[in-house]
Amino acid sequence: MTIEQAVIERLIASTEVAAYVSTRVYQLVLPQKATLPAARVQLISDITRLNLVGEITNLFWARVQVDVWTHTRDNGDGYATAREAGIAIRNALALPSAGGQTFSAGGSPAEITVTSVQPLETSVDYAADELRQIRVRQDFGVMFQEVQA
């Protein structure tokens, strides 16, 4: 399991996120003519192995981007839908008040344990062309461990 797959699994399991995107959470590429709103998860940075005083550990850090795509006609206000879905994603991954969450992914036993997810950056894009799509882009710093078998 990759860290992107672990994030997707976490988002699909969230009832708050599902209220906006159902199970339409994709890795890297949205399907052509995707039903919107939908979310897309992408690894932005290389996975960095962290170490403690020169010792190699199974602790890693990566930057993961989660986009929410809507259309201007979605629920009457595509921007509000994208913004609210973005908040739901942030809550599912990294509650700001708690400084992040810990969760496991990949079944039993878990393959990945996410020890921290920190919101890094949020931005909004609007495609004024014929697509008239709105994208709320959020970057998260993710610290995780690969569970050794």
N, C-alpha and C. Protein backbone atom coordinates (compact mmCIF):
# COMPACT_ATOMS: atom_id res chain seq x y z
N MET A 1 0.84 -1.18 0.00
CA MET A 1 0.00 0.00 0.00
C MET A 1 0.89 1.24 0.00
N THR A 2 0.49 2.23 -0.79
CA THR A 2 1.21 3.51 -0.82
C THR A 2 0.56 4.48 0.15
N ILE A 3 1.25 5.57 0.44
CA ILE A 3 0.67 6.58 1.33
C ILE A 3 -0.56 7.22 0.68
N GLU A 4 -0.55 7.35 -0.65
CA GLU A 4 -1.73 7.90 -1.33
C GLU A 4 -2.94 6.98 -1.14
N GLN A 5 -2.71 5.67 -1.26
CA GLN A 5 -3.81 4.72 -1.06
C GLN A 5 -4.33 4.76 0.37
N ALA A 6 -3.43 4.96 1.34
CA ALA A 6 -3.85 5.06 2.74
C ALA A 6 -4.72 6.29 2.95
N VAL A 7 -4.35 7.41 2.33
CA VAL A 7 -5.15 8.64 2.44
C VAL A 7 -6.51 8.44 1.77
N ILE A 8 -6.53 7.82 0.60
CA ILE A 8 -7.80 7.55 -0.09
C ILE A 8 -8.70 6.67 0.77
N GLU A 9 -8.14 5.62 1.36
CA GLU A 9 -8.91 4.74 2.23
C GLU A 9 -9.52 5.51 3.39
N ARG A 10 -8.73 6.41 3.98
CA ARG A 10 -9.22 7.22 5.11
C ARG A 10 -10.36 8.15 4.67
N LEU A 11 -10.21 8.77 3.51
CA LEU A 11 -11.25 9.69 3.03
C LEU A 11 -12.54 8.97 2.69
N ILE A 12 -12.44 7.83 2.04
CA ILE A 12 -13.65 7.08 1.68
C ILE A 12 -14.38 6.59 2.92
N ALA A 13 -13.64 6.30 3.99
CA ALA A 13 -14.25 5.82 5.23
C ALA A 13 -14.93 6.94 6.02
N SER A 14 -14.64 8.19 5.69
CA SER A 14 -15.22 9.33 6.42
C SER A 14 -16.63 9.62 5.94
N THR A 15 -17.60 9.57 6.83
CA THR A 15 -18.98 9.89 6.44
C THR A 15 -19.12 11.36 6.06
N GLU A 16 -18.33 12.23 6.70
CA GLU A 16 -18.38 13.66 6.39
C GLU A 16 -17.90 13.91 4.95
N VAL A 17 -16.82 13.25 4.54
CA VAL A 17 -16.32 13.39 3.17
C VAL A 17 -17.29 12.73 2.19
N ALA A 18 -17.80 11.55 2.54
CA ALA A 18 -18.72 10.82 1.66
C ALA A 18 -19.99 11.63 1.36
N ALA A 19 -20.38 12.49 2.26
CA ALA A 19 -21.56 13.32 2.03
C ALA A 19 -21.37 14.23 0.80
N TYR A 20 -20.12 14.54 0.47
CA TYR A 20 -19.84 15.40 -0.69
C TYR A 20 -19.40 14.62 -1.92
N VAL A 21 -18.50 13.64 -1.74
CA VAL A 21 -17.90 12.99 -2.91
C VAL A 21 -18.24 11.50 -3.01
N SER A 22 -19.01 10.97 -2.06
CA SER A 22 -19.34 9.54 -2.04
C SER A 22 -18.03 8.76 -2.04
N THR A 23 -17.84 7.87 -2.99
CA THR A 23 -16.58 7.13 -3.09
C THR A 23 -15.74 7.63 -4.26
N ARG A 24 -16.05 8.82 -4.75
CA ARG A 24 -15.32 9.39 -5.89
C ARG A 24 -14.03 10.07 -5.41
N VAL A 25 -13.12 9.26 -4.91
CA VAL A 25 -11.80 9.73 -4.47
C VAL A 25 -10.79 8.94 -5.30
N TYR A 26 -10.03 9.65 -6.13
CA TYR A 26 -9.17 9.01 -7.11
C TYR A 26 -7.70 9.31 -6.83
N GLN A 27 -6.84 8.43 -7.31
CA GLN A 27 -5.41 8.65 -7.18
C GLN A 27 -4.86 9.23 -8.47
N LEU A 28 -4.24 10.37 -8.39
CA LEU A 28 -3.52 11.08 -9.44
C LEU A 28 -4.39 11.65 -10.56
N VAL A 29 -5.29 10.87 -11.15
CA VAL A 29 -6.04 11.35 -12.32
C VAL A 29 -7.54 11.13 -12.10
N LEU A 30 -8.31 12.19 -12.37
CA LEU A 30 -9.77 12.02 -12.38
C LEU A 30 -10.15 11.28 -13.66
N PRO A 31 -11.17 10.43 -13.60
CA PRO A 31 -11.63 9.79 -14.84
C PRO A 31 -12.17 10.85 -15.81
N GLN A 32 -12.13 10.54 -17.08
CA GLN A 32 -12.68 11.45 -18.06
C GLN A 32 -14.18 11.59 -17.83
N LYS A 33 -14.68 12.81 -17.85
CA LYS A 33 -16.09 13.11 -17.61
C LYS A 33 -16.55 12.58 -16.24
N ALA A 34 -15.72 12.79 -15.23
CA ALA A 34 -16.03 12.32 -13.88
C ALA A 34 -17.26 13.03 -13.34
N THR A 35 -18.02 12.32 -12.54
CA THR A 35 -19.13 12.94 -11.82
C THR A 35 -18.52 13.81 -10.73
N LEU A 36 -18.95 15.05 -10.67
CA LEU A 36 -18.45 15.99 -9.66
C LEU A 36 -19.54 16.28 -8.64
N PRO A 37 -19.20 16.59 -7.42
CA PRO A 37 -17.86 16.77 -6.89
C PRO A 37 -17.12 15.45 -6.74
N ALA A 38 -15.79 15.55 -6.83
CA ALA A 38 -14.90 14.40 -6.67
C ALA A 38 -13.61 14.90 -6.04
N ALA A 39 -12.84 13.97 -5.51
CA ALA A 39 -11.55 14.32 -4.91
C ALA A 39 -10.44 13.54 -5.61
N ARG A 40 -9.24 14.13 -5.58
CA ARG A 40 -8.07 13.52 -6.20
C ARG A 40 -6.91 13.62 -5.22
N VAL A 41 -6.17 12.53 -5.06
CA VAL A 41 -5.05 12.47 -4.13
C VAL A 41 -3.78 12.25 -4.94
N GLN A 42 -2.74 13.04 -4.62
CA GLN A 42 -1.50 12.96 -5.37
C GLN A 42 -0.31 13.13 -4.44
N LEU A 43 0.71 12.31 -4.62
CA LEU A 43 1.97 12.48 -3.90
C LEU A 43 2.72 13.63 -4.55
N ILE A 44 3.08 14.65 -3.77
CA ILE A 44 3.75 15.83 -4.30
C ILE A 44 5.26 15.72 -4.16
N SER A 45 5.71 15.28 -3.00
CA SER A 45 7.15 15.20 -2.77
C SER A 45 7.59 13.75 -2.68
N ASP A 46 8.86 13.56 -2.90
CA ASP A 46 9.42 12.23 -2.69
C ASP A 46 9.26 11.86 -1.22
N ILE A 47 9.12 10.59 -0.99
CA ILE A 47 9.02 10.12 0.38
C ILE A 47 10.41 10.17 1.00
N THR A 48 10.51 10.82 2.14
CA THR A 48 11.77 11.00 2.82
C THR A 48 11.83 10.08 4.03
N ARG A 49 12.85 9.27 4.10
CA ARG A 49 13.04 8.41 5.27
C ARG A 49 13.63 9.26 6.39
N LEU A 50 12.96 9.28 7.54
CA LEU A 50 13.46 10.02 8.69
C LEU A 50 14.36 9.11 9.50
N ASN A 51 15.31 9.69 10.18
CA ASN A 51 16.16 8.88 11.04
C ASN A 51 16.37 9.59 12.37
N LEU A 52 16.73 8.79 13.34
CA LEU A 52 16.98 9.31 14.68
C LEU A 52 18.46 9.12 14.98
N VAL A 53 19.21 10.21 15.02
CA VAL A 53 20.64 10.18 15.33
C VAL A 53 21.37 9.19 14.41
N GLY A 54 21.11 9.29 13.13
CA GLY A 54 21.82 8.47 12.17
C GLY A 54 21.30 7.05 12.01
N GLU A 55 20.35 6.63 12.83
CA GLU A 55 19.82 5.29 12.69
C GLU A 55 18.66 5.30 11.69
N ILE A 56 18.65 4.35 10.80
CA ILE A 56 17.56 4.24 9.83
C ILE A 56 16.33 3.67 10.54
N THR A 57 15.20 4.30 10.32
CA THR A 57 13.95 3.84 10.90
C THR A 57 12.96 3.56 9.78
N ASN A 58 11.82 3.06 10.13
CA ASN A 58 10.77 2.87 9.12
C ASN A 58 9.77 4.03 9.20
N LEU A 59 10.25 5.21 9.57
CA LEU A 59 9.44 6.41 9.67
C LEU A 59 9.71 7.29 8.45
N PHE A 60 8.63 7.71 7.77
CA PHE A 60 8.75 8.46 6.53
C PHE A 60 7.94 9.75 6.60
N TRP A 61 8.29 10.72 5.74
CA TRP A 61 7.55 11.96 5.61
C TRP A 61 7.31 12.20 4.13
N ALA A 62 6.09 12.62 3.80
CA ALA A 62 5.74 12.94 2.41
C ALA A 62 4.79 14.12 2.39
N ARG A 63 4.74 14.78 1.26
CA ARG A 63 3.77 15.85 1.04
C ARG A 63 2.72 15.30 0.08
N VAL A 64 1.45 15.33 0.53
CA VAL A 64 0.34 14.77 -0.24
C VAL A 64 -0.66 15.89 -0.52
N GLN A 65 -1.09 15.98 -1.76
CA GLN A 65 -2.07 16.99 -2.16
C GLN A 65 -3.43 16.33 -2.35
N VAL A 66 -4.47 16.95 -1.82
CA VAL A 66 -5.83 16.47 -2.00
C VAL A 66 -6.63 17.61 -2.61
N ASP A 67 -7.16 17.36 -3.81
CA ASP A 67 -7.98 18.35 -4.52
C ASP A 67 -9.44 17.95 -4.47
N VAL A 68 -10.30 18.94 -4.35
CA VAL A 68 -11.74 18.73 -4.52
C VAL A 68 -12.15 19.48 -5.78
N TRP A 69 -12.78 18.78 -6.68
CA TRP A 69 -13.26 19.37 -7.93
C TRP A 69 -14.78 19.46 -7.90
N THR A 70 -15.30 20.62 -8.23
CA THR A 70 -16.74 20.80 -8.38
C THR A 70 -17.00 21.57 -9.67
N HIS A 71 -18.25 21.70 -9.99
CA HIS A 71 -18.69 22.47 -11.14
C HIS A 71 -19.50 23.64 -10.61
N THR A 72 -19.54 24.74 -11.33
CA THR A 72 -20.28 25.91 -10.84
C THR A 72 -21.75 25.62 -10.61
N ARG A 73 -22.29 24.60 -11.26
CA ARG A 73 -23.72 24.31 -11.10
C ARG A 73 -24.00 23.32 -9.95
N ASP A 74 -22.95 22.75 -9.33
CA ASP A 74 -23.15 21.77 -8.26
C ASP A 74 -23.85 22.40 -7.06
N ASN A 75 -24.97 21.83 -6.70
CA ASN A 75 -25.74 22.28 -5.53
C ASN A 75 -25.99 23.78 -5.52
N GLY A 76 -26.04 24.41 -6.68
CA GLY A 76 -26.32 25.83 -6.75
C GLY A 76 -25.12 26.72 -6.53
N ASP A 77 -24.12 26.27 -5.79
CA ASP A 77 -22.94 27.07 -5.53
C ASP A 77 -21.74 26.14 -5.46
N GLY A 78 -21.07 25.97 -6.58
CA GLY A 78 -19.94 25.06 -6.66
C GLY A 78 -18.81 25.43 -5.73
N TYR A 79 -18.57 26.74 -5.54
CA TYR A 79 -17.50 27.16 -4.66
C TYR A 79 -17.79 26.75 -3.22
N ALA A 80 -19.01 26.99 -2.76
CA ALA A 80 -19.37 26.60 -1.39
C ALA A 80 -19.25 25.09 -1.21
N THR A 81 -19.67 24.33 -2.20
CA THR A 81 -19.55 22.87 -2.12
C THR A 81 -18.09 22.45 -2.03
N ALA A 82 -17.23 23.03 -2.87
CA ALA A 82 -15.80 22.68 -2.86
C ALA A 82 -15.17 23.06 -1.53
N ARG A 83 -15.51 24.24 -1.03
CA ARG A 83 -14.93 24.69 0.25
C ARG A 83 -15.36 23.79 1.39
N GLU A 84 -16.65 23.45 1.44
CA GLU A 84 -17.16 22.60 2.53
C GLU A 84 -16.59 21.19 2.43
N ALA A 85 -16.45 20.66 1.21
CA ALA A 85 -15.83 19.34 1.05
C ALA A 85 -14.37 19.38 1.47
N GLY A 86 -13.69 20.49 1.18
CA GLY A 86 -12.31 20.66 1.61
C GLY A 86 -12.18 20.65 3.12
N ILE A 87 -13.12 21.29 3.80
CA ILE A 87 -13.12 21.28 5.26
C ILE A 87 -13.35 19.87 5.78
N ALA A 88 -14.26 19.13 5.14
CA ALA A 88 -14.52 17.74 5.54
C ALA A 88 -13.26 16.89 5.37
N ILE A 89 -12.53 17.11 4.29
CA ILE A 89 -11.28 16.38 4.07
C ILE A 89 -10.25 16.73 5.13
N ARG A 90 -10.13 18.00 5.43
CA ARG A 90 -9.19 18.44 6.47
C ARG A 90 -9.56 17.80 7.82
N ASN A 91 -10.85 17.75 8.12
CA ASN A 91 -11.29 17.13 9.38
C ASN A 91 -11.00 15.63 9.40
N ALA A 92 -11.16 14.97 8.26
CA ALA A 92 -10.92 13.53 8.19
C ALA A 92 -9.44 13.19 8.34
N LEU A 93 -8.59 14.07 7.84
CA LEU A 93 -7.16 13.78 7.86
C LEU A 93 -6.43 14.43 9.03
N ALA A 94 -6.73 15.68 9.30
CA ALA A 94 -5.92 16.42 10.28
C ALA A 94 -6.75 17.47 10.98
N LEU A 95 -7.36 17.10 12.08
CA LEU A 95 -8.11 18.09 12.84
C LEU A 95 -7.12 19.14 13.36
N PRO A 96 -7.26 20.38 12.92
CA PRO A 96 -6.30 21.41 13.34
C PRO A 96 -6.20 21.56 14.87
N SER A 97 -7.32 21.43 15.55
CA SER A 97 -7.30 21.60 17.01
C SER A 97 -6.52 20.49 17.71
N ALA A 98 -6.45 19.32 17.09
CA ALA A 98 -5.75 18.18 17.70
C ALA A 98 -4.32 18.06 17.20
N GLY A 99 -3.92 18.91 16.25
CA GLY A 99 -2.58 18.83 15.72
C GLY A 99 -2.34 17.59 14.88
N GLY A 100 -3.38 17.04 14.31
CA GLY A 100 -3.25 15.85 13.47
C GLY A 100 -3.87 14.63 14.12
N GLN A 101 -3.94 13.56 13.38
CA GLN A 101 -4.55 12.33 13.86
C GLN A 101 -3.64 11.16 13.57
N THR A 102 -3.89 10.07 14.25
CA THR A 102 -3.20 8.81 13.96
C THR A 102 -4.24 7.84 13.43
N PHE A 103 -3.91 7.16 12.32
CA PHE A 103 -4.80 6.14 11.80
C PHE A 103 -3.98 5.10 11.06
N SER A 104 -4.56 3.93 10.93
CA SER A 104 -3.91 2.83 10.23
C SER A 104 -4.69 2.50 8.97
N ALA A 105 -4.00 1.94 7.98
CA ALA A 105 -4.65 1.61 6.72
C ALA A 105 -4.07 0.32 6.18
N GLY A 106 -4.86 -0.36 5.37
CA GLY A 106 -4.37 -1.52 4.68
C GLY A 106 -4.83 -2.84 5.24
N GLY A 107 -5.84 -2.85 6.08
CA GLY A 107 -6.37 -4.10 6.57
C GLY A 107 -5.79 -4.51 7.91
N SER A 108 -5.82 -5.79 8.16
CA SER A 108 -5.36 -6.30 9.44
C SER A 108 -4.36 -7.42 9.19
N PRO A 109 -3.11 -7.29 9.54
CA PRO A 109 -2.55 -6.11 10.21
C PRO A 109 -2.38 -4.96 9.23
N ALA A 110 -2.35 -3.78 9.78
CA ALA A 110 -2.21 -2.60 8.94
C ALA A 110 -0.85 -2.59 8.25
N GLU A 111 -0.82 -2.04 7.04
CA GLU A 111 0.43 -1.92 6.31
C GLU A 111 1.09 -0.57 6.58
N ILE A 112 0.27 0.43 6.86
CA ILE A 112 0.78 1.78 7.10
C ILE A 112 0.08 2.35 8.33
N THR A 113 0.85 2.97 9.19
CA THR A 113 0.29 3.72 10.31
C THR A 113 0.67 5.17 10.13
N VAL A 114 -0.32 6.03 9.98
CA VAL A 114 -0.08 7.46 9.83
C VAL A 114 -0.02 8.07 11.22
N THR A 115 1.10 8.67 11.53
CA THR A 115 1.28 9.21 12.88
C THR A 115 0.98 10.69 12.97
N SER A 116 1.00 11.40 11.86
CA SER A 116 0.72 12.83 11.90
C SER A 116 0.37 13.32 10.50
N VAL A 117 -0.65 14.15 10.42
CA VAL A 117 -1.01 14.82 9.17
C VAL A 117 -1.19 16.29 9.50
N GLN A 118 -0.38 17.14 8.91
CA GLN A 118 -0.46 18.57 9.18
C GLN A 118 -0.87 19.33 7.92
N PRO A 119 -1.91 20.16 8.00
CA PRO A 119 -2.26 21.00 6.85
C PRO A 119 -1.12 21.97 6.56
N LEU A 120 -0.73 22.09 5.31
CA LEU A 120 0.38 22.97 4.94
C LEU A 120 -0.08 24.18 4.14
N GLU A 121 -0.99 23.98 3.20
CA GLU A 121 -1.37 25.06 2.30
C GLU A 121 -2.71 24.76 1.66
N THR A 122 -3.52 25.80 1.45
CA THR A 122 -4.80 25.66 0.76
C THR A 122 -4.89 26.75 -0.29
N SER A 123 -5.38 26.40 -1.47
CA SER A 123 -5.63 27.42 -2.49
C SER A 123 -6.85 27.03 -3.31
N VAL A 124 -7.42 28.00 -3.99
CA VAL A 124 -8.63 27.79 -4.79
C VAL A 124 -8.34 28.23 -6.22
N ASP A 125 -8.72 27.39 -7.18
CA ASP A 125 -8.56 27.71 -8.60
C ASP A 125 -9.94 27.67 -9.26
N TYR A 126 -10.10 28.52 -10.27
CA TYR A 126 -11.36 28.53 -11.02
C TYR A 126 -11.04 28.52 -12.50
N ALA A 127 -11.58 27.56 -13.23
CA ALA A 127 -11.40 27.48 -14.67
C ALA A 127 -12.59 28.18 -15.34
N ALA A 128 -12.34 29.35 -15.85
CA ALA A 128 -13.42 30.16 -16.41
C ALA A 128 -13.81 29.73 -17.82
N ASP A 129 -13.13 28.72 -18.36
CA ASP A 129 -13.46 28.26 -19.71
C ASP A 129 -14.79 27.51 -19.70
N GLU A 130 -15.03 26.74 -20.74
CA GLU A 130 -16.32 26.05 -20.85
C GLU A 130 -16.53 25.00 -19.76
N LEU A 131 -15.46 24.54 -19.10
CA LEU A 131 -15.63 23.54 -18.05
C LEU A 131 -16.22 24.15 -16.77
N ARG A 132 -15.86 25.40 -16.50
CA ARG A 132 -16.38 26.14 -15.35
C ARG A 132 -16.24 25.33 -14.06
N GLN A 133 -15.04 24.79 -13.85
CA GLN A 133 -14.77 23.97 -12.69
C GLN A 133 -14.04 24.76 -11.61
N ILE A 134 -14.28 24.34 -10.39
CA ILE A 134 -13.64 24.95 -9.23
C ILE A 134 -12.83 23.86 -8.55
N ARG A 135 -11.61 24.20 -8.15
CA ARG A 135 -10.76 23.23 -7.45
C ARG A 135 -10.25 23.86 -6.16
N VAL A 136 -10.47 23.17 -5.06
CA VAL A 136 -9.87 23.54 -3.79
C VAL A 136 -8.72 22.56 -3.58
N ARG A 137 -7.52 23.10 -3.52
CA ARG A 137 -6.31 22.29 -3.40
C ARG A 137 -5.74 22.45 -2.00
N GLN A 138 -5.47 21.30 -1.35
CA GLN A 138 -4.88 21.32 -0.02
C GLN A 138 -3.64 20.42 -0.01
N ASP A 139 -2.58 20.92 0.59
CA ASP A 139 -1.38 20.12 0.77
C ASP A 139 -1.25 19.75 2.24
N PHE A 140 -0.85 18.50 2.47
CA PHE A 140 -0.69 17.99 3.83
C PHE A 140 0.70 17.38 3.97
N GLY A 141 1.34 17.63 5.09
CA GLY A 141 2.56 16.93 5.45
C GLY A 141 2.17 15.68 6.22
N VAL A 142 2.60 14.52 5.73
CA VAL A 142 2.18 13.25 6.32
C VAL A 142 3.40 12.50 6.84
N MET A 143 3.39 12.19 8.12
CA MET A 143 4.42 11.34 8.69
C MET A 143 3.80 9.96 8.90
N PHE A 144 4.50 8.92 8.43
CA PHE A 144 3.90 7.58 8.51
C PHE A 144 4.98 6.53 8.69
N GLN A 145 4.53 5.36 9.11
CA GLN A 145 5.39 4.20 9.28
C GLN A 145 4.87 3.05 8.45
N GLU A 146 5.79 2.33 7.85
CA GLU A 146 5.43 1.09 7.19
C GLU A 146 5.53 0.01 8.25
N VAL A 147 4.46 -0.71 8.43
CA VAL A 147 4.43 -1.74 9.46
C VAL A 147 5.22 -2.95 8.97
N GLN A 148 6.18 -3.37 9.76
CA GLN A 148 7.02 -4.51 9.40
C GLN A 148 6.27 -5.82 9.66
N ALA A 149 6.34 -6.73 8.72
CA ALA A 149 5.65 -8.01 8.87
C ALA A 149 6.41 -8.93 9.83
